Protein backbone atom coordinates (compact mmCIF):
# COMPACT_ATOMS: atom_id res chain seq x y z
CA UNK A 1 0.10 0.06 -0.10
CA UNK A 2 2.88 2.44 1.00
CA UNK A 3 4.58 1.68 -2.39
CA UNK A 4 1.50 2.48 -4.34
CA UNK A 5 0.99 5.88 -2.55
CA UNK A 6 4.77 6.68 -3.13
CA UNK A 7 4.57 5.87 -6.94
CA UNK A 8 1.28 7.86 -7.36
CA UNK A 9 2.97 10.86 -5.68
CA UNK A 10 6.06 10.67 -7.71
CA UNK A 11 4.24 10.01 -11.12
CA UNK A 12 1.94 12.88 -10.84
CA UNK A 13 1.97 14.59 -14.19
CA UNK A 14 0.46 17.97 -12.72
CA UNK A 15 3.44 18.70 -10.52
CA UNK A 16 5.84 19.47 -13.29
CA UNK A 17 5.23 21.18 -16.73
CA UNK A 18 6.93 23.29 -19.24
CA UNK A 19 5.54 26.36 -17.36
CA UNK A 20 7.18 25.48 -14.08
CA UNK A 21 10.38 24.50 -15.75
CA UNK A 22 10.60 27.80 -17.60
CA UNK A 23 9.95 29.64 -14.42
CA UNK A 24 12.64 27.79 -12.59
CA UNK A 25 15.25 28.38 -15.22
CA UNK A 26 14.33 32.05 -15.44
CA UNK A 27 14.67 32.30 -11.50
CA UNK A 28 18.08 30.51 -11.70
CA UNK A 29 19.55 32.63 -14.67
CA UNK A 30 18.47 35.75 -12.76
CA UNK A 31 20.01 34.58 -9.56
CA UNK A 32 23.25 33.67 -11.25
CA UNK A 33 23.45 37.02 -13.05
CA UNK A 34 22.74 38.94 -9.82
CA UNK A 35 25.07 36.68 -7.86
CA UNK A 36 27.83 37.37 -10.32
CA UNK A 37 27.91 41.14 -9.30
CA UNK A 38 26.62 40.81 -5.79
CA UNK A 39 29.22 38.27 -4.39
CA UNK A 40 32.02 40.40 -2.95
CA UNK A 41 34.16 37.75 -1.27
CA UNK A 42 34.90 34.95 -3.97
CA UNK A 43 36.77 31.85 -3.78
CA UNK A 44 39.74 32.79 -5.85
CA UNK A 45 41.83 29.82 -5.21
CA UNK A 46 39.46 27.50 -7.22
CA UNK A 47 40.79 25.99 -10.37
CA UNK A 48 37.36 25.84 -12.14
CA UNK A 49 35.68 28.83 -13.52
CA UNK A 50 32.45 28.92 -15.04
CA UNK A 51 32.03 30.27 -18.57
CA UNK A 52 35.50 31.71 -18.42
CA UNK A 53 34.51 34.29 -15.69
CA UNK A 54 37.44 34.75 -13.36
CA UNK A 55 36.43 34.20 -9.80
CA UNK A 56 33.04 32.69 -10.34
CA UNK A 57 33.58 29.00 -9.54
CA UNK A 58 31.68 25.97 -8.39
CA UNK A 59 30.93 27.51 -5.07
CA UNK A 60 29.43 30.57 -6.38
CA UNK A 61 27.44 28.60 -8.89
CA UNK A 62 26.06 26.35 -6.12
CA UNK A 63 25.21 29.32 -3.99
CA UNK A 64 23.46 31.16 -6.81
CA UNK A 65 21.50 28.14 -8.11
CA UNK A 66 20.54 27.30 -4.55
CA UNK A 67 18.95 30.75 -4.22
CA UNK A 68 17.47 30.35 -7.56
CA UNK A 69 15.67 27.15 -6.61
CA UNK A 70 14.41 28.92 -3.44
CA UNK A 71 13.11 31.87 -5.45
CA UNK A 72 11.64 29.61 -8.18
CA UNK A 73 9.84 27.41 -5.83
CA UNK A 74 8.23 30.40 -3.94
CA UNK A 75 7.35 31.85 -7.49
CA UNK A 76 5.81 28.50 -8.65
CA UNK A 77 3.78 28.07 -5.47
CA UNK A 78 2.84 31.70 -5.32
CA UNK A 79 1.46 31.49 -8.96
CA UNK A 80 -0.27 28.27 -8.28
CA UNK A 81 -1.94 29.72 -5.20
CA UNK A 82 -3.42 32.66 -7.16
CA UNK A 83 -4.51 30.31 -10.00
CA UNK A 84 -2.25 31.64 -12.73
CA UNK A 85 -0.35 28.49 -12.93
CA UNK A 86 -2.08 25.16 -13.52
């Protein structure tokens, strides 16, 4: 019984759509672009740089995308709450 409930929760087609994916992508891109200029103390010693941007490495990317997911989840839930997103 528990397995059936878990599978039905995971396989719910209404939880994810192209609209929610687009909103999440936009929120992550905005968060990365804002974080690029807002992060003042960067991890300069990293060997990896994202998109040939000096001083913007994995730690900065993870921080900004984490914030982007939080903003995106709030945006999606808010739009669903006011019935603008199905």
